[in-house]
Amino acid sequence: GKVIKQTRGPVTLTDHERSYELVEGEGWHQLVAFDLTTGLAVWLADLGTPPIDEATLADGGVWIVQNGVRRGFAVRDGRERSPKSL
């Protein structure tokens, strides 16, 4: 669907190896990792419908906050992790 800017936080994060793009449209949000050397997408995580309020890179993960809930995704493969497993 059409991309629409609804995010209240950043839209791009980087660790200088990959960029992590927060992409969204009406009723959907995704986190996509791109390899900065090849320009290819490495992984994608569907985030559902809640807007993204915050996003940061820390402790080997991309951390987002949606409706007050903190979620973490491992930078290496995009798998959602608990804060203790990242």
Protein backbone atom coordinates (compact mmCIF):
# COMPACT_ATOMS: atom_id res chain seq x y z
CA GLY A 1 0.00 0.00 0.00
CA LYS A 2 0.82 3.67 -0.07
CA VAL A 3 3.51 4.89 2.35
CA ILE A 4 2.25 7.54 4.80
CA LYS A 5 4.34 9.29 7.49
CA GLN A 6 2.67 8.60 10.85
CA THR A 7 5.71 7.83 13.00
CA ARG A 8 6.44 10.30 15.77
CA GLY A 9 10.01 9.04 16.25
CA PRO A 10 12.94 8.75 13.83
CA VAL A 11 12.50 7.06 10.45
CA THR A 12 16.12 5.92 9.91
CA LEU A 13 18.74 4.52 12.29
CA THR A 14 22.23 3.29 11.37
CA ASP A 15 25.14 1.40 12.90
CA HIS A 16 27.32 2.21 9.83
CA GLU A 17 26.97 -1.38 8.55
CA ARG A 18 23.21 -1.32 8.05
CA SER A 19 20.44 1.22 7.98
CA TYR A 20 17.20 0.42 9.79
CA GLU A 21 14.21 2.03 8.13
CA LEU A 22 10.82 2.52 9.78
CA VAL A 23 8.32 2.29 6.93
CA GLU A 24 4.59 2.73 7.31
CA GLY A 25 1.30 3.16 5.59
CA GLU A 26 -2.33 3.35 6.59
CA GLY A 27 -2.76 0.63 9.23
CA TRP A 28 0.72 -0.95 8.93
CA HIS A 29 4.32 -0.43 10.09
CA GLN A 30 7.53 -2.28 9.21
CA LEU A 31 11.16 -2.21 10.25
CA VAL A 32 13.52 -3.00 7.35
CA ALA A 33 17.30 -3.49 7.62
CA PHE A 34 19.46 -2.61 4.60
CA ASP A 35 23.10 -3.56 4.09
CA LEU A 36 24.94 -0.28 3.42
CA THR A 37 27.55 -1.99 1.21
CA THR A 38 25.14 -3.76 -1.15
CA GLY A 39 22.01 -1.65 -0.70
CA LEU A 40 19.98 -4.84 -0.36
CA ALA A 41 17.33 -5.52 2.26
CA VAL A 42 18.63 -7.99 4.84
CA TRP A 43 15.49 -8.54 6.91
CA LEU A 44 12.01 -7.14 7.52
CA ALA A 45 9.85 -7.15 10.65
CA ASP A 46 6.11 -6.44 10.54
CA LEU A 47 5.24 -4.16 13.46
CA GLY A 48 1.46 -4.05 13.21
CA THR A 49 -0.76 -0.98 13.37
CA PRO A 50 0.33 1.09 16.42
CA PRO A 51 2.36 4.22 15.57
CA ILE A 52 6.07 4.18 16.45
CA ASP A 53 6.82 6.69 19.20
CA GLU A 54 10.55 6.07 19.66
CA ALA A 55 13.37 4.09 18.05
CA THR A 56 16.99 3.56 19.12
CA LEU A 57 19.96 1.27 18.51
CA ALA A 58 21.51 -0.27 21.64
CA ASP A 59 22.88 -3.56 22.96
CA GLY A 60 22.78 -5.37 19.61
CA GLY A 61 19.19 -4.45 18.92
CA VAL A 62 16.84 -2.00 17.30
CA TRP A 63 14.46 -0.85 20.02
CA ILE A 64 11.09 0.68 19.26
CA VAL A 65 8.24 1.93 21.42
CA GLN A 66 4.67 1.55 20.21
CA ASN A 67 1.81 2.70 22.47
CA GLY A 68 4.16 2.63 25.46
CA VAL A 69 5.37 -0.94 24.78
CA ARG A 70 9.12 -1.42 24.20
CA ARG A 71 10.07 -4.03 21.59
CA GLY A 72 13.55 -5.19 20.57
CA PHE A 73 14.77 -6.71 17.30
CA ALA A 74 18.22 -8.31 16.91
CA VAL A 75 20.33 -6.36 14.40
CA ARG A 76 21.79 -9.56 12.90
CA ASP A 77 18.52 -11.22 11.86
CA GLY A 78 15.55 -9.04 12.88
CA ARG A 79 14.12 -11.62 15.25
CA GLU A 80 12.05 -10.10 18.01
CA ARG A 81 13.72 -10.65 21.35
CA SER A 82 12.97 -10.06 24.97
CA PRO A 83 15.19 -7.37 26.53
CA LYS A 84 17.21 -10.08 28.30
CA SER A 85 17.96 -12.09 25.13
CA LEU A 86 19.42 -9.29 22.99
